[in-house]
Amino acid sequence: MALIKKNELSKGHLRKLTALRKSLGDAIADEAFAKWHAALPAKKNAQVDKNIQAMTDLVTPAVLNGSIRLPRGGYVIRRGRGKVIVERTS
């Protein structure tokens, strides 16, 4: 019998497992679910946006040394006509 760790499953996977158990019985459902779950492709790592990374690299040293203060809620950065607009969020 396959070992299934319920606390590591997503909500959708738990629903699938309980549906299988209701229709097939516990022993068969656990085995079928374990085979299906093992055949799933590995989770892809989220790719980092290059623009966000560049802005973070520029702002982080100034924030950490105290020359810039970022209040809670932060700021919105957007493009304007030939300029960058930085506004405090409300």
N, C-alpha and C. Protein backbone atom coordinates (compact mmCIF):
# COMPACT_ATOMS: atom_id res chain seq x y z
N MET A 1 0.84 -1.18 0.00
CA MET A 1 0.00 0.00 0.00
C MET A 1 0.89 1.24 0.00
N ALA A 2 0.52 2.21 -0.78
CA ALA A 2 1.32 3.42 -0.93
C ALA A 2 1.08 4.37 0.24
N LEU A 3 2.13 5.07 0.63
CA LEU A 3 2.04 6.02 1.72
C LEU A 3 1.70 7.39 1.15
N ILE A 4 0.58 7.97 1.59
CA ILE A 4 0.14 9.27 1.10
C ILE A 4 0.15 10.23 2.28
N LYS A 5 0.89 11.34 2.14
CA LYS A 5 0.95 12.35 3.18
C LYS A 5 -0.11 13.41 2.88
N LYS A 6 -1.20 13.36 3.62
CA LYS A 6 -2.32 14.26 3.35
C LYS A 6 -1.97 15.72 3.56
N ASN A 7 -1.09 16.02 4.51
CA ASN A 7 -0.77 17.42 4.79
C ASN A 7 0.08 18.06 3.69
N GLU A 8 0.64 17.27 2.78
CA GLU A 8 1.44 17.81 1.69
C GLU A 8 0.63 17.94 0.39
N LEU A 9 -0.62 17.50 0.39
CA LEU A 9 -1.44 17.56 -0.81
C LEU A 9 -2.18 18.89 -0.89
N SER A 10 -2.43 19.32 -2.12
CA SER A 10 -3.22 20.53 -2.31
C SER A 10 -4.70 20.20 -2.11
N LYS A 11 -5.51 21.25 -2.06
CA LYS A 11 -6.94 21.05 -1.85
C LYS A 11 -7.56 20.23 -2.98
N GLY A 12 -7.14 20.49 -4.21
CA GLY A 12 -7.65 19.74 -5.35
C GLY A 12 -7.26 18.27 -5.31
N HIS A 13 -6.02 18.01 -4.89
CA HIS A 13 -5.57 16.63 -4.79
C HIS A 13 -6.31 15.88 -3.69
N LEU A 14 -6.60 16.56 -2.58
CA LEU A 14 -7.38 15.93 -1.52
C LEU A 14 -8.79 15.58 -2.00
N ARG A 15 -9.38 16.49 -2.78
CA ARG A 15 -10.72 16.22 -3.33
C ARG A 15 -10.69 15.00 -4.25
N LYS A 16 -9.64 14.92 -5.07
CA LYS A 16 -9.52 13.77 -5.99
C LYS A 16 -9.37 12.48 -5.19
N LEU A 17 -8.54 12.51 -4.14
CA LEU A 17 -8.33 11.32 -3.32
C LEU A 17 -9.62 10.88 -2.64
N THR A 18 -10.37 11.82 -2.06
CA THR A 18 -11.61 11.43 -1.38
C THR A 18 -12.65 10.92 -2.38
N ALA A 19 -12.68 11.50 -3.56
CA ALA A 19 -13.62 11.02 -4.58
C ALA A 19 -13.26 9.59 -5.01
N LEU A 20 -11.97 9.34 -5.18
CA LEU A 20 -11.54 7.99 -5.53
C LEU A 20 -11.86 7.00 -4.42
N ARG A 21 -11.66 7.40 -3.19
CA ARG A 21 -11.95 6.51 -2.06
C ARG A 21 -13.43 6.19 -1.97
N LYS A 22 -14.28 7.17 -2.27
CA LYS A 22 -15.72 6.92 -2.22
C LYS A 22 -16.16 5.97 -3.32
N SER A 23 -15.52 6.09 -4.49
CA SER A 23 -15.98 5.27 -5.61
C SER A 23 -15.28 3.91 -5.70
N LEU A 24 -14.02 3.83 -5.29
CA LEU A 24 -13.27 2.59 -5.47
C LEU A 24 -12.96 1.84 -4.17
N GLY A 25 -13.06 2.49 -3.05
CA GLY A 25 -12.64 1.89 -1.79
C GLY A 25 -11.25 2.38 -1.44
N ASP A 26 -10.90 2.28 -0.16
CA ASP A 26 -9.66 2.87 0.33
C ASP A 26 -8.41 2.25 -0.27
N ALA A 27 -8.31 0.94 -0.29
CA ALA A 27 -7.07 0.28 -0.73
C ALA A 27 -6.77 0.54 -2.20
N ILE A 28 -7.76 0.34 -3.05
CA ILE A 28 -7.56 0.53 -4.49
C ILE A 28 -7.35 2.01 -4.80
N ALA A 29 -8.11 2.88 -4.13
CA ALA A 29 -8.01 4.32 -4.38
C ALA A 29 -6.64 4.85 -3.98
N ASP A 30 -6.12 4.40 -2.84
CA ASP A 30 -4.80 4.87 -2.40
C ASP A 30 -3.72 4.46 -3.38
N GLU A 31 -3.79 3.24 -3.87
CA GLU A 31 -2.80 2.76 -4.84
C GLU A 31 -2.91 3.52 -6.16
N ALA A 32 -4.13 3.72 -6.64
CA ALA A 32 -4.33 4.44 -7.91
C ALA A 32 -3.89 5.90 -7.78
N PHE A 33 -4.23 6.52 -6.66
CA PHE A 33 -3.85 7.91 -6.44
C PHE A 33 -2.33 8.06 -6.35
N ALA A 34 -1.68 7.14 -5.68
CA ALA A 34 -0.22 7.20 -5.54
C ALA A 34 0.46 7.09 -6.90
N LYS A 35 -0.04 6.19 -7.75
CA LYS A 35 0.53 6.05 -9.10
C LYS A 35 0.29 7.32 -9.91
N TRP A 36 -0.92 7.85 -9.83
CA TRP A 36 -1.24 9.08 -10.57
C TRP A 36 -0.39 10.25 -10.08
N HIS A 37 -0.27 10.37 -8.76
CA HIS A 37 0.48 11.49 -8.19
C HIS A 37 1.97 11.39 -8.54
N ALA A 38 2.50 10.18 -8.59
CA ALA A 38 3.91 9.99 -8.94
C ALA A 38 4.17 10.34 -10.40
N ALA A 39 3.16 10.18 -11.25
CA ALA A 39 3.32 10.45 -12.68
C ALA A 39 3.18 11.93 -13.03
N LEU A 40 2.76 12.77 -12.07
CA LEU A 40 2.62 14.20 -12.33
C LEU A 40 3.98 14.82 -12.61
N PRO A 41 4.03 15.82 -13.50
CA PRO A 41 5.31 16.48 -13.75
C PRO A 41 5.75 17.28 -12.52
N ALA A 42 7.04 17.44 -12.39
CA ALA A 42 7.59 18.19 -11.25
C ALA A 42 7.14 19.64 -11.33
N LYS A 43 6.99 20.26 -10.17
CA LYS A 43 6.54 21.64 -10.10
C LYS A 43 7.64 22.56 -10.64
N LYS A 44 7.25 23.48 -11.51
CA LYS A 44 8.21 24.42 -12.07
C LYS A 44 8.47 25.55 -11.07
N ASN A 45 9.71 25.99 -11.04
CA ASN A 45 10.05 27.14 -10.20
C ASN A 45 9.54 28.40 -10.87
N ALA A 46 9.03 29.30 -10.06
CA ALA A 46 8.53 30.56 -10.60
C ALA A 46 9.71 31.38 -11.12
N GLN A 47 9.58 31.89 -12.32
CA GLN A 47 10.65 32.68 -12.90
C GLN A 47 10.56 34.11 -12.38
N VAL A 48 11.71 34.67 -12.10
CA VAL A 48 11.78 36.02 -11.55
C VAL A 48 11.73 37.02 -12.70
N ASP A 49 10.89 38.04 -12.54
CA ASP A 49 10.80 39.10 -13.53
C ASP A 49 12.09 39.92 -13.48
N LYS A 50 12.75 40.09 -14.61
CA LYS A 50 14.04 40.80 -14.66
C LYS A 50 13.90 42.25 -14.23
N ASN A 51 12.80 42.89 -14.59
CA ASN A 51 12.59 44.29 -14.22
C ASN A 51 12.43 44.46 -12.71
N ILE A 52 11.66 43.57 -12.10
CA ILE A 52 11.48 43.64 -10.66
C ILE A 52 12.79 43.37 -9.95
N GLN A 53 13.55 42.42 -10.45
CA GLN A 53 14.84 42.12 -9.84
C GLN A 53 15.79 43.31 -9.93
N ALA A 54 15.79 44.01 -11.07
CA ALA A 54 16.66 45.17 -11.24
C ALA A 54 16.26 46.29 -10.28
N MET A 55 14.95 46.54 -10.13
CA MET A 55 14.49 47.58 -9.20
C MET A 55 14.82 47.20 -7.77
N THR A 56 14.67 45.94 -7.42
CA THR A 56 14.98 45.48 -6.08
C THR A 56 16.47 45.67 -5.77
N ASP A 57 17.31 45.32 -6.74
CA ASP A 57 18.75 45.47 -6.55
C ASP A 57 19.16 46.92 -6.35
N LEU A 58 18.45 47.84 -7.01
CA LEU A 58 18.77 49.26 -6.86
C LEU A 58 18.27 49.84 -5.55
N VAL A 59 17.10 49.45 -5.10
CA VAL A 59 16.47 50.06 -3.93
C VAL A 59 16.93 49.43 -2.61
N THR A 60 17.24 48.16 -2.61
CA THR A 60 17.57 47.46 -1.37
C THR A 60 18.70 48.10 -0.57
N PRO A 61 19.84 48.43 -1.17
CA PRO A 61 20.91 49.04 -0.36
C PRO A 61 20.50 50.36 0.28
N ALA A 62 19.74 51.18 -0.44
CA ALA A 62 19.32 52.48 0.10
C ALA A 62 18.34 52.30 1.26
N VAL A 63 17.48 51.31 1.18
CA VAL A 63 16.52 51.06 2.26
C VAL A 63 17.24 50.52 3.49
N LEU A 64 18.17 49.60 3.27
CA LEU A 64 18.86 48.97 4.39
C LEU A 64 19.79 49.93 5.13
N ASN A 65 20.38 50.90 4.43
CA ASN A 65 21.26 51.84 5.13
C ASN A 65 20.50 53.04 5.69
N GLY A 66 19.20 53.12 5.45
CA GLY A 66 18.36 54.14 6.06
C GLY A 66 18.21 55.43 5.28
N SER A 67 18.76 55.52 4.08
CA SER A 67 18.63 56.77 3.32
C SER A 67 17.26 56.91 2.65
N ILE A 68 16.55 55.79 2.52
CA ILE A 68 15.18 55.81 1.97
C ILE A 68 14.28 55.08 2.96
N ARG A 69 13.11 55.65 3.22
CA ARG A 69 12.14 55.02 4.11
C ARG A 69 10.94 54.59 3.27
N LEU A 70 10.57 53.33 3.36
CA LEU A 70 9.40 52.82 2.66
C LEU A 70 8.29 52.56 3.68
N PRO A 71 7.23 53.37 3.67
CA PRO A 71 6.15 53.15 4.62
C PRO A 71 5.33 51.92 4.24
N ARG A 72 4.52 51.47 5.18
CA ARG A 72 3.63 50.34 4.88
C ARG A 72 2.68 50.74 3.77
N GLY A 73 2.34 49.80 2.95
CA GLY A 73 1.48 50.09 1.81
C GLY A 73 2.30 50.36 0.57
N GLY A 74 3.47 50.95 0.74
CA GLY A 74 4.43 51.12 -0.33
C GLY A 74 4.06 52.16 -1.38
N TYR A 75 4.59 51.97 -2.55
CA TYR A 75 4.44 52.90 -3.65
C TYR A 75 4.01 52.16 -4.92
N VAL A 76 3.44 52.92 -5.84
CA VAL A 76 3.09 52.41 -7.15
C VAL A 76 4.02 53.07 -8.15
N ILE A 77 4.66 52.27 -8.99
CA ILE A 77 5.55 52.79 -10.01
C ILE A 77 4.90 52.51 -11.36
N ARG A 78 4.75 53.57 -12.16
CA ARG A 78 4.16 53.39 -13.50
C ARG A 78 4.84 54.32 -14.48
N ARG A 79 4.62 54.04 -15.73
CA ARG A 79 5.24 54.83 -16.79
C ARG A 79 4.35 56.00 -17.15
N GLY A 80 4.99 57.13 -17.40
CA GLY A 80 4.28 58.31 -17.88
C GLY A 80 4.82 58.67 -19.25
N ARG A 81 4.49 59.84 -19.72
CA ARG A 81 4.98 60.29 -21.02
C ARG A 81 6.44 60.72 -20.88
N GLY A 82 7.33 59.83 -21.19
CA GLY A 82 8.75 60.13 -21.13
C GLY A 82 9.32 60.20 -19.73
N LYS A 83 8.59 59.69 -18.72
CA LYS A 83 9.09 59.73 -17.36
C LYS A 83 8.50 58.56 -16.56
N VAL A 84 9.00 58.39 -15.38
CA VAL A 84 8.50 57.37 -14.47
C VAL A 84 7.75 58.07 -13.36
N ILE A 85 6.55 57.61 -13.04
CA ILE A 85 5.73 58.22 -12.00
C ILE A 85 5.71 57.30 -10.78
N VAL A 86 6.10 57.85 -9.64
CA VAL A 86 6.10 57.10 -8.39
C VAL A 86 5.09 57.77 -7.48
N GLU A 87 4.07 57.02 -7.05
CA GLU A 87 3.02 57.55 -6.18
C GLU A 87 2.88 56.69 -4.95
N ARG A 88 2.57 57.32 -3.84
CA ARG A 88 2.32 56.57 -2.63
C ARG A 88 0.93 55.97 -2.72
N THR A 89 0.81 54.70 -2.36
CA THR A 89 -0.50 54.06 -2.40
C THR A 89 -1.35 54.57 -1.26
N SER A 90 -2.63 54.62 -1.50
CA SER A 90 -3.51 55.14 -0.45
C SER A 90 -4.41 54.08 0.10
